[in-house]
């Protein structure tokens, strides 16, 4: 089987999100080039071949980080699964261990300052403030926020209906400040941006659905607001299981990166409460 056509079929028909398609496309083209140098095809990929590839990715002056290697490995396995079926996917643990570190989360005062920088009365300013308030209030991924439709925000019940990774859906509470900013944008901002019939909640200056590149122009690392959402909830006493549900993590192990925040909070409670502390 020709490697590049197989990769193209996977990227076009594998049910991937647009951002994932771009990332996996780059990763898989690198794999195809490596296989060609080794006189191998996609059908030759087994545990040994993947192990050799991963070893090269992690060595030399241009070696990749553990996170980048893990993503390339995930792309390769997804492509193999789509092309040849689950039985063709090597199940050996090949990815290097990534160091667990606490995400960089701005403090509440920093977030207040950030939100004030996008404040204003113009349609775009109202949209930007509403968008960033929602990212922080509900802990959304950028792609989840821009994919919202008008019907997804329920002001009466103060809920947001979100479509997350892998098509998984969840319903999140809508904070008071976020609800106010969203309503203000709908009343005074969105009508000035709307062109024709478009159900997208957040619109671009041309009246189209907003894309994640616009979010990144507003905030270089919008994911920091999601980290702040989780961190501040933990510091306020929320349970990791609850935060897992709110973030839409499939596994608690993903949420446990925030566990050192929880440990610090527990230490404060212990020091304040225990007679032998």
C-alpha atoms as a PDB file:
ATOM      1  CA  UNK A   1       0.000   0.000   0.000  1.00  0.00           C
ATOM      2  CA  UNK A   2       1.282   3.489  -0.939  1.00  0.00           C
ATOM      3  CA  UNK A   3       1.939   5.437   2.237  1.00  0.00           C
ATOM      4  CA  UNK A   4       1.032   8.998   1.201  1.00  0.00           C
ATOM      5  CA  UNK A   5      -2.359   8.122  -0.379  1.00  0.00           C
ATOM      6  CA  UNK A   6      -3.235   6.097   2.727  1.00  0.00           C
ATOM      7  CA  UNK A   7      -2.345   9.043   4.943  1.00  0.00           C
ATOM      8  CA  UNK A   8      -4.430  11.379   2.772  1.00  0.00           C
ATOM      9  CA  UNK A   9      -7.473   9.071   3.069  1.00  0.00           C
ATOM     10  CA  UNK A  10      -7.061   8.951   6.847  1.00  0.00           C
ATOM     11  CA  UNK A  11      -6.808  12.737   7.190  1.00  0.00           C
ATOM     12  CA  UNK A  12      -9.849  13.322   4.971  1.00  0.00           C
ATOM     13  CA  UNK A  13     -12.116  10.567   6.284  1.00  0.00           C
ATOM     14  CA  UNK A  14     -10.825   9.754   9.786  1.00  0.00           C
ATOM     15  CA  UNK A  15     -13.295  12.041  11.568  1.00  0.00           C
ATOM     16  CA  UNK A  16     -10.576  14.373  12.866  1.00  0.00           C
ATOM     17  CA  UNK A  17     -11.093  17.938  14.011  1.00  0.00           C
ATOM     18  CA  UNK A  18      -9.579  20.575  11.712  1.00  0.00           C
ATOM     19  CA  UNK A  19      -6.726  21.412  14.105  1.00  0.00           C
ATOM     20  CA  UNK A  20      -5.970  17.711  14.620  1.00  0.00           C
ATOM     21  CA  UNK A  21      -5.900  17.181  10.851  1.00  0.00           C
ATOM     22  CA  UNK A  22      -3.259  19.884  10.495  1.00  0.00           C
ATOM     23  CA  UNK A  23      -1.105  18.542  13.327  1.00  0.00           C
ATOM     24  CA  UNK A  24      -1.426  14.882  12.312  1.00  0.00           C
ATOM     25  CA  UNK A  25      -0.801  15.765   8.657  1.00  0.00           C
ATOM     26  CA  UNK A  26       2.590  17.231   9.527  1.00  0.00           C
ATOM     27  CA  UNK A  27       3.434  14.288  11.802  1.00  0.00           C
ATOM     28  CA  UNK A  28       2.428  11.654   9.265  1.00  0.00           C
ATOM     29  CA  UNK A  29       4.290  13.274   6.388  1.00  0.00           C
ATOM     30  CA  UNK A  30       7.397  13.126   8.561  1.00  0.00           C
ATOM     31  CA  UNK A  31       6.707   9.431   9.180  1.00  0.00           C
ATOM     32  CA  UNK A  32       6.217   8.811   5.444  1.00  0.00           C
ATOM     33  CA  UNK A  33       9.564  10.452   4.655  1.00  0.00           C
ATOM     34  CA  UNK A  34      11.300   8.364   7.314  1.00  0.00           C
ATOM     35  CA  UNK A  35       9.709   5.149   6.019  1.00  0.00           C
ATOM     36  CA  UNK A  36      10.825   5.990   2.478  1.00  0.00           C
ATOM     37  CA  UNK A  37      14.416   6.431   3.659  1.00  0.00           C
ATOM     38  CA  UNK A  38      14.195   2.983   5.249  1.00  0.00           C
ATOM     39  CA  UNK A  39      12.615   1.477   2.094  1.00  0.00           C
ATOM     40  CA  UNK A  40       9.472   0.667   4.084  1.00  0.00           C
ATOM     41  CA  UNK A  41       5.765   1.247   3.548  1.00  0.00           C
ATOM     42  CA  UNK A  42       2.898   1.886   5.942  1.00  0.00           C
ATOM     43  CA  UNK A  43       2.021  -1.800   5.883  1.00  0.00           C
ATOM     44  CA  UNK A  44       5.491  -2.650   7.248  1.00  0.00           C
ATOM     45  CA  UNK A  45       4.985  -0.667  10.445  1.00  0.00           C
ATOM     46  CA  UNK A  46       5.055  -2.888  13.517  1.00  0.00           C
ATOM     47  CA  UNK A  47       6.263  -2.467  17.108  1.00  0.00           C
ATOM     48  CA  UNK A  48       9.936  -2.740  16.077  1.00  0.00           C
ATOM     49  CA  UNK A  49       9.608  -0.163  13.289  1.00  0.00           C
ATOM     50  CA  UNK A  50       7.762   2.262  15.563  1.00  0.00           C
ATOM     51  CA  UNK A  51      10.379   1.732  18.259  1.00  0.00           C
ATOM     52  CA  UNK A  52      13.176   2.590  15.820  1.00  0.00           C
ATOM     53  CA  UNK A  53      11.303   5.699  14.673  1.00  0.00           C
ATOM     54  CA  UNK A  54      10.654   6.909  18.229  1.00  0.00           C
ATOM     55  CA  UNK A  55      14.316   6.343  19.137  1.00  0.00           C
ATOM     56  CA  UNK A  56      15.437   8.562  16.263  1.00  0.00           C
ATOM     57  CA  UNK A  57      12.887  11.246  17.138  1.00  0.00           C
ATOM     58  CA  UNK A  58      14.267  11.443  20.660  1.00  0.00           C
ATOM     59  CA  UNK A  59      17.965  11.572  19.801  1.00  0.00           C
ATOM     60  CA  UNK A  60      20.433  13.963  18.179  1.00  0.00           C
ATOM     61  CA  UNK A  61      20.599  17.747  18.064  1.00  0.00           C
ATOM     62  CA  UNK A  62      17.097  18.074  16.598  1.00  0.00           C
ATOM     63  CA  UNK A  63      15.457  15.662  19.021  1.00  0.00           C
ATOM     64  CA  UNK A  64      11.805  16.290  19.830  1.00  0.00           C
ATOM     65  CA  UNK A  65      10.278  16.823  23.240  1.00  0.00           C
ATOM     66  CA  UNK A  66       8.420  13.920  24.891  1.00  0.00           C
ATOM     67  CA  UNK A  67       5.106  15.699  24.185  1.00  0.00           C
ATOM     68  CA  UNK A  68       5.887  16.038  20.459  1.00  0.00           C
ATOM     69  CA  UNK A  69       6.987  12.406  20.219  1.00  0.00           C
ATOM     70  CA  UNK A  70       3.793  11.278  21.937  1.00  0.00           C
ATOM     71  CA  UNK A  71       1.693  13.231  19.446  1.00  0.00           C
ATOM     72  CA  UNK A  72       3.551  11.764  16.443  1.00  0.00           C
ATOM     73  CA  UNK A  73       3.091   8.311  17.874  1.00  0.00           C
ATOM     74  CA  UNK A  74      -0.625   8.952  18.414  1.00  0.00           C
ATOM     75  CA  UNK A  75      -0.932  10.136  14.804  1.00  0.00           C
ATOM     76  CA  UNK A  76       0.812   7.001  13.502  1.00  0.00           C
ATOM     77  CA  UNK A  77      -1.341   4.668  15.582  1.00  0.00           C
ATOM     78  CA  UNK A  78      -4.561   6.427  14.568  1.00  0.00           C
ATOM     79  CA  UNK A  79      -3.604   6.167  10.898  1.00  0.00           C
ATOM     80  CA  UNK A  80      -2.738   2.466  11.236  1.00  0.00           C
ATOM     81  CA  UNK A  81      -6.016   1.794  13.039  1.00  0.00           C
ATOM     82  CA  UNK A  82      -8.036   3.572  10.336  1.00  0.00           C
ATOM     83  CA  UNK A  83      -6.158   1.931   7.455  1.00  0.00           C
ATOM     84  CA  UNK A  84      -5.657  -1.639   8.665  1.00  0.00           C
ATOM     85  CA  UNK A  85      -7.933  -2.055  11.702  1.00  0.00           C
ATOM     86  CA  UNK A  86      -7.219  -2.210  15.468  1.00  0.00           C
ATOM     87  CA  UNK A  87      -5.288  -5.483  15.241  1.00  0.00           C
ATOM     88  CA  UNK A  88      -2.558  -3.755  13.218  1.00  0.00           C
ATOM     89  CA  UNK A  89      -1.785  -1.202  15.929  1.00  0.00           C
ATOM     90  CA  UNK A  90       1.257  -2.119  18.081  1.00  0.00           C
ATOM     91  CA  UNK A  91       0.253  -1.882  21.741  1.00  0.00           C
ATOM     92  CA  UNK A  92       3.771  -1.573  23.163  1.00  0.00           C
ATOM     93  CA  UNK A  93       4.379   1.463  25.398  1.00  0.00           C
ATOM     94  CA  UNK A  94       6.824   3.390  23.223  1.00  0.00           C
ATOM     95  CA  UNK A  95       6.207   7.027  24.129  1.00  0.00           C
ATOM     96  CA  UNK A  96       8.666   8.649  26.536  1.00  0.00           C
ATOM     97  CA  UNK A  97       7.267   9.717  29.887  1.00  0.00           C
ATOM     98  CA  UNK A  98       6.341  13.362  29.952  1.00  0.00           C
ATOM     99  CA  UNK A  99       7.195  15.312  33.092  1.00  0.00           C
ATOM    100  CA  UNK A 100       4.082  16.196  35.037  1.00  0.00           C
ATOM    101  CA  UNK A 101       4.072  19.894  35.763  1.00  0.00           C
ATOM    102  CA  UNK A 102       1.494  22.351  36.932  1.00  0.00           C
ATOM    103  CA  UNK A 103       0.126  24.397  34.027  1.00  0.00           C
ATOM    104  CA  UNK A 104       0.896  28.103  34.144  1.00  0.00           C
ATOM    105  CA  UNK A 105      -2.325  29.616  35.443  1.00  0.00           C
ATOM    106  CA  UNK A 106      -2.786  33.387  35.865  1.00  0.00           C
ATOM    107  CA  UNK A 107      -4.012  34.576  39.239  1.00  0.00           C
ATOM    108  CA  UNK A 108      -7.448  36.152  39.585  1.00  0.00           C
ATOM    109  CA  UNK A 109      -6.010  39.684  39.555  1.00  0.00           C
ATOM    110  CA  UNK A 110      -4.099  38.926  36.326  1.00  0.00           C
ATOM    111  CA  UNK A 111      -7.287  37.677  34.679  1.00  0.00           C
ATOM    112  CA  UNK A 112      -9.134  40.838  35.718  1.00  0.00           C
ATOM    113  CA  UNK A 113      -6.373  42.918  34.109  1.00  0.00           C
ATOM    114  CA  UNK A 114      -6.438  40.764  30.973  1.00  0.00           C
ATOM    115  CA  UNK A 115     -10.197  41.123  30.546  1.00  0.00           C
ATOM    116  CA  UNK A 116      -9.990  44.895  30.988  1.00  0.00           C
ATOM    117  CA  UNK A 117      -7.573  45.100  28.038  1.00  0.00           C
ATOM    118  CA  UNK A 118     -10.281  43.870  25.658  1.00  0.00           C
ATOM    119  CA  UNK A 119     -13.091  45.943  27.153  1.00  0.00           C
ATOM    120  CA  UNK A 120     -14.929  48.473  24.983  1.00  0.00           C
ATOM    121  CA  UNK A 121     -18.229  49.402  23.346  1.00  0.00           C
ATOM    122  CA  UNK A 122     -17.552  48.386  19.739  1.00  0.00           C
ATOM    123  CA  UNK A 123     -19.100  45.163  18.389  1.00  0.00           C
ATOM    124  CA  UNK A 124     -15.700  43.427  18.255  1.00  0.00           C
ATOM    125  CA  UNK A 125     -14.772  44.588  21.760  1.00  0.00           C
ATOM    126  CA  UNK A 126     -18.092  43.295  23.129  1.00  0.00           C
ATOM    127  CA  UNK A 127     -17.500  39.998  21.348  1.00  0.00           C
ATOM    128  CA  UNK A 128     -13.941  39.679  22.602  1.00  0.00           C
ATOM    129  CA  UNK A 129     -14.861  40.406  26.209  1.00  0.00           C
ATOM    130  CA  UNK A 130     -17.750  37.924  26.085  1.00  0.00           C
ATOM    131  CA  UNK A 131     -15.537  35.261  24.498  1.00  0.00           C
ATOM    132  CA  UNK A 132     -12.732  35.532  27.060  1.00  0.00           C
ATOM    133  CA  UNK A 133     -15.194  35.691  29.956  1.00  0.00           C
ATOM    134  CA  UNK A 134     -16.748  32.464  28.715  1.00  0.00           C
ATOM    135  CA  UNK A 135     -13.388  30.699  28.289  1.00  0.00           C
ATOM    136  CA  UNK A 136     -12.540  31.467  31.912  1.00  0.00           C
ATOM    137  CA  UNK A 137     -16.020  31.040  33.387  1.00  0.00           C
ATOM    138  CA  UNK A 138     -16.695  27.638  31.814  1.00  0.00           C
ATOM    139  CA  UNK A 139     -13.163  26.328  31.184  1.00  0.00           C
ATOM    140  CA  UNK A 140     -13.799  25.824  27.477  1.00  0.00           C
ATOM    141  CA  UNK A 141     -11.243  24.932  24.853  1.00  0.00           C
ATOM    142  CA  UNK A 142     -10.978  27.581  22.124  1.00  0.00           C
ATOM    143  CA  UNK A 143     -12.446  25.189  19.533  1.00  0.00           C
ATOM    144  CA  UNK A 144     -15.416  24.479  21.813  1.00  0.00           C
ATOM    145  CA  UNK A 145     -16.160  28.184  22.237  1.00  0.00           C
ATOM    146  CA  UNK A 146     -16.057  29.089  18.537  1.00  0.00           C
ATOM    147  CA  UNK A 147     -18.226  26.077  17.648  1.00  0.00           C
ATOM    148  CA  UNK A 148     -21.091  27.277  19.849  1.00  0.00           C
ATOM    149  CA  UNK A 149     -24.387  28.050  18.155  1.00  0.00           C
ATOM    150  CA  UNK A 150     -26.996  30.511  19.415  1.00  0.00           C
ATOM    151  CA  UNK A 151     -29.165  27.700  20.751  1.00  0.00           C
ATOM    152  CA  UNK A 152     -26.281  26.309  22.827  1.00  0.00           C
ATOM    153  CA  UNK A 153     -26.459  29.109  25.401  1.00  0.00           C
ATOM    154  CA  UNK A 154     -29.473  28.831  27.720  1.00  0.00           C
ATOM    155  CA  UNK A 155     -29.745  32.117  29.605  1.00  0.00           C
ATOM    156  CA  UNK A 156     -32.923  31.105  31.416  1.00  0.00           C
ATOM    157  CA  UNK A 157     -31.304  28.057  33.051  1.00  0.00           C
ATOM    158  CA  UNK A 158     -27.801  29.585  32.969  1.00  0.00           C
ATOM    159  CA  UNK A 159     -26.280  26.650  31.068  1.00  0.00           C
ATOM    160  CA  UNK A 160     -23.989  26.155  28.065  1.00  0.00           C
ATOM    161  CA  UNK A 161     -24.234  23.091  25.832  1.00  0.00           C
ATOM    162  CA  UNK A 162     -20.745  22.184  24.602  1.00  0.00           C
ATOM    163  CA  UNK A 163     -19.511  19.762  21.937  1.00  0.00           C
ATOM    164  CA  UNK A 164     -16.046  18.611  22.968  1.00  0.00           C
ATOM    165  CA  UNK A 165     -13.320  16.329  21.678  1.00  0.00           C
ATOM    166  CA  UNK A 166     -14.455  13.179  19.918  1.00  0.00           C
ATOM    167  CA  UNK A 167     -17.996  14.527  19.595  1.00  0.00           C
ATOM    168  CA  UNK A 168     -18.604  14.192  23.338  1.00  0.00           C
ATOM    169  CA  UNK A 169     -21.175  16.611  24.682  1.00  0.00           C
ATOM    170  CA  UNK A 170     -21.470  18.188  28.128  1.00  0.00           C
ATOM    171  CA  UNK A 171     -23.617  20.841  29.802  1.00  0.00           C
ATOM    172  CA  UNK A 172     -21.845  23.473  31.900  1.00  0.00           C
ATOM    173  CA  UNK A 173     -23.059  26.143  34.311  1.00  0.00           C
ATOM    174  CA  UNK A 174     -22.869  29.700  33.020  1.00  0.00           C
ATOM    175  CA  UNK A 175     -21.370  32.167  35.497  1.00  0.00           C
ATOM    176  CA  UNK A 176     -23.145  35.421  36.278  1.00  0.00           C
ATOM    177  CA  UNK A 177     -20.473  37.708  34.794  1.00  0.00           C
ATOM    178  CA  UNK A 178     -20.125  35.561  31.677  1.00  0.00           C
ATOM    179  CA  UNK A 179     -23.918  35.511  31.215  1.00  0.00           C
ATOM    180  CA  UNK A 180     -24.000  39.327  31.462  1.00  0.00           C
ATOM    181  CA  UNK A 181     -21.190  39.764  28.910  1.00  0.00           C
ATOM    182  CA  UNK A 182     -22.704  37.233  26.505  1.00  0.00           C
ATOM    183  CA  UNK A 183     -26.114  38.914  26.697  1.00  0.00           C
ATOM    184  CA  UNK A 184     -24.523  42.339  26.146  1.00  0.00           C
ATOM    185  CA  UNK A 185     -22.707  41.036  23.064  1.00  0.00           C
ATOM    186  CA  UNK A 186     -25.913  39.485  21.684  1.00  0.00           C
ATOM    187  CA  UNK A 187     -27.824  42.727  22.184  1.00  0.00           C
ATOM    188  CA  UNK A 188     -25.317  45.369  21.143  1.00  0.00           C
ATOM    189  CA  UNK A 189     -22.508  43.592  19.285  1.00  0.00           C
ATOM    190  CA  UNK A 190     -23.598  40.573  17.289  1.00  0.00           C
ATOM    191  CA  UNK A 191     -26.379  42.315  15.260  1.00  0.00           C
ATOM    192  CA  UNK A 192     -23.737  44.688  13.869  1.00  0.00           C
ATOM    193  CA  UNK A 193     -21.572  41.733  12.752  1.00  0.00           C
ATOM    194  CA  UNK A 194     -24.276  39.415  11.397  1.00  0.00           C
ATOM    195  CA  UNK A 195     -24.474  39.025   7.613  1.00  0.00           C
ATOM    196  CA  UNK A 196     -27.315  36.803   6.447  1.00  0.00           C
ATOM    197  CA  UNK A 197     -28.386  33.670   8.297  1.00  0.00           C
ATOM    198  CA  UNK A 198     -25.666  32.327  10.546  1.00  0.00           C
ATOM    199  CA  UNK A 199     -26.342  30.410  13.753  1.00  0.00           C
ATOM    200  CA  UNK A 200     -22.791  30.783  15.079  1.00  0.00           C
ATOM    201  CA  UNK A 201     -22.728  32.479  18.466  1.00  0.00           C
ATOM    202  CA  UNK A 202     -19.398  34.244  17.939  1.00  0.00           C
ATOM    203  CA  UNK A 203     -19.023  36.014  14.599  1.00  0.00           C
ATOM    204  CA  UNK A 204     -16.002  37.443  12.807  1.00  0.00           C
ATOM    205  CA  UNK A 205     -15.796  40.992  11.472  1.00  0.00           C
ATOM    206  CA  UNK A 206     -17.136  39.570   8.164  1.00  0.00           C
ATOM    207  CA  UNK A 207     -20.110  37.893   9.782  1.00  0.00           C
ATOM    208  CA  UNK A 208     -18.720  34.363   9.615  1.00  0.00           C
ATOM    209  CA  UNK A 209     -18.161  31.876  12.405  1.00  0.00           C
ATOM    210  CA  UNK A 210     -15.114  32.838  14.419  1.00  0.00           C
ATOM    211  CA  UNK A 211     -12.093  30.530  14.165  1.00  0.00           C
ATOM    212  CA  UNK A 212      -9.482  29.631  16.755  1.00  0.00           C
ATOM    213  CA  UNK A 213      -6.771  31.732  15.088  1.00  0.00           C
ATOM    214  CA  UNK A 214      -8.726  34.849  16.103  1.00  0.00           C
ATOM    215  CA  UNK A 215      -8.804  33.621  19.692  1.00  0.00           C
ATOM    216  CA  UNK A 216      -5.028  33.159  19.608  1.00  0.00           C
ATOM    217  CA  UNK A 217      -4.613  36.713  18.316  1.00  0.00           C
ATOM    218  CA  UNK A 218      -6.564  37.956  21.322  1.00  0.00           C
ATOM    219  CA  UNK A 219      -4.603  35.811  23.739  1.00  0.00           C
ATOM    220  CA  UNK A 220      -1.437  34.034  22.706  1.00  0.00           C
ATOM    221  CA  UNK A 221      -2.130  31.059  24.960  1.00  0.00           C
ATOM    222  CA  UNK A 222      -5.921  30.929  25.468  1.00  0.00           C
ATOM    223  CA  UNK A 223      -5.544  27.525  27.142  1.00  0.00           C
ATOM    224  CA  UNK A 224      -4.186  29.387  30.191  1.00  0.00           C
ATOM    225  CA  UNK A 225      -7.740  30.529  30.937  1.00  0.00           C
ATOM    226  CA  UNK A 226      -8.848  26.887  31.008  1.00  0.00           C
ATOM    227  CA  UNK A 227      -5.982  26.087  33.386  1.00  0.00           C
ATOM    228  CA  UNK A 228      -6.994  29.032  35.568  1.00  0.00           C
ATOM    229  CA  UNK A 229     -10.589  27.793  35.621  1.00  0.00           C
ATOM    230  CA  UNK A 230      -9.481  24.398  36.963  1.00  0.00           C
ATOM    231  CA  UNK A 231      -6.837  25.774  39.332  1.00  0.00           C
ATOM    232  CA  UNK A 232      -9.124  28.371  40.897  1.00  0.00           C
ATOM    233  CA  UNK A 233     -11.907  25.817  41.350  1.00  0.00           C
ATOM    234  CA  UNK A 234      -9.502  23.500  43.174  1.00  0.00           C
ATOM    235  CA  UNK A 235      -8.201  26.300  45.332  1.00  0.00           C
ATOM    236  CA  UNK A 236     -11.798  27.115  46.183  1.00  0.00           C
ATOM    237  CA  UNK A 237     -12.455  23.567  47.375  1.00  0.00           C
ATOM    238  CA  UNK A 238     -13.918  21.797  44.299  1.00  0.00           C
ATOM    239  CA  UNK A 239     -13.339  18.047  43.963  1.00  0.00           C
ATOM    240  CA  UNK A 240     -11.096  16.687  41.184  1.00  0.00           C
ATOM    241  CA  UNK A 241     -13.939  14.468  39.925  1.00  0.00           C
ATOM    242  CA  UNK A 242     -16.193  17.494  39.490  1.00  0.00           C
ATOM    243  CA  UNK A 243     -13.460  19.368  37.633  1.00  0.00           C
ATOM    244  CA  UNK A 244     -12.919  16.322  35.410  1.00  0.00           C
ATOM    245  CA  UNK A 245     -16.581  16.492  34.367  1.00  0.00           C
ATOM    246  CA  UNK A 246     -16.474  20.260  33.804  1.00  0.00           C
ATOM    247  CA  UNK A 247     -13.315  20.077  31.690  1.00  0.00           C
ATOM    248  CA  UNK A 248     -14.627  17.147  29.663  1.00  0.00           C
ATOM    249  CA  UNK A 249     -11.638  14.919  30.428  1.00  0.00           C
ATOM    250  CA  UNK A 250     -12.285  11.281  29.557  1.00  0.00           C
ATOM    251  CA  UNK A 251      -9.988  10.077  32.339  1.00  0.00           C
ATOM    252  CA  UNK A 252      -9.298  11.396  35.826  1.00  0.00           C
ATOM    253  CA  UNK A 253      -5.585  10.843  35.180  1.00  0.00           C
ATOM    254  CA  UNK A 254      -5.670  13.807  32.781  1.00  0.00           C
ATOM    255  CA  UNK A 255      -7.186  16.033  35.461  1.00  0.00           C
ATOM    256  CA  UNK A 256      -4.686  14.900  38.076  1.00  0.00           C
ATOM    257  CA  UNK A 257      -2.062  17.273  36.683  1.00  0.00           C
ATOM    258  CA  UNK A 258      -3.816  19.742  39.001  1.00  0.00           C
ATOM    259  CA  UNK A 259      -3.374  17.495  42.034  1.00  0.00           C
ATOM    260  CA  UNK A 260      -0.465  19.498  43.482  1.00  0.00           C
ATOM    261  CA  UNK A 261      -2.870  22.457  43.749  1.00  0.00           C
ATOM    262  CA  UNK A 262      -5.202  20.172  45.662  1.00  0.00           C
ATOM    263  CA  UNK A 263      -2.333  19.012  47.881  1.00  0.00           C
ATOM    264  CA  UNK A 264      -1.449  22.613  48.752  1.00  0.00           C
ATOM    265  CA  UNK A 265      -5.075  23.349  49.610  1.00  0.00           C
ATOM    266  CA  UNK A 266      -5.293  20.246  51.802  1.00  0.00           C
ATOM    267  CA  UNK A 267      -2.111  21.297  53.594  1.00  0.00           C
ATOM    268  CA  UNK A 268      -3.609  24.698  54.386  1.00  0.00           C
ATOM    269  CA  UNK A 269      -6.764  23.051  55.727  1.00  0.00           C
ATOM    270  CA  UNK A 270      -4.678  20.638  57.796  1.00  0.00           C
ATOM    271  CA  UNK A 271      -2.478  23.378  59.255  1.00  0.00           C
ATOM    272  CA  UNK A 272      -5.527  25.417  60.140  1.00  0.00           C
ATOM    273  CA  UNK A 273      -7.582  22.582  61.562  1.00  0.00           C
ATOM    274  CA  UNK A 274      -5.484  19.858  63.170  1.00  0.00           C
ATOM    275  CA  UNK A 275      -4.345  20.289  66.802  1.00  0.00           C
ATOM    276  CA  UNK A 276      -0.974  18.641  66.055  1.00  0.00           C
ATOM    277  CA  UNK A 277      -0.265  20.510  62.870  1.00  0.00           C
END
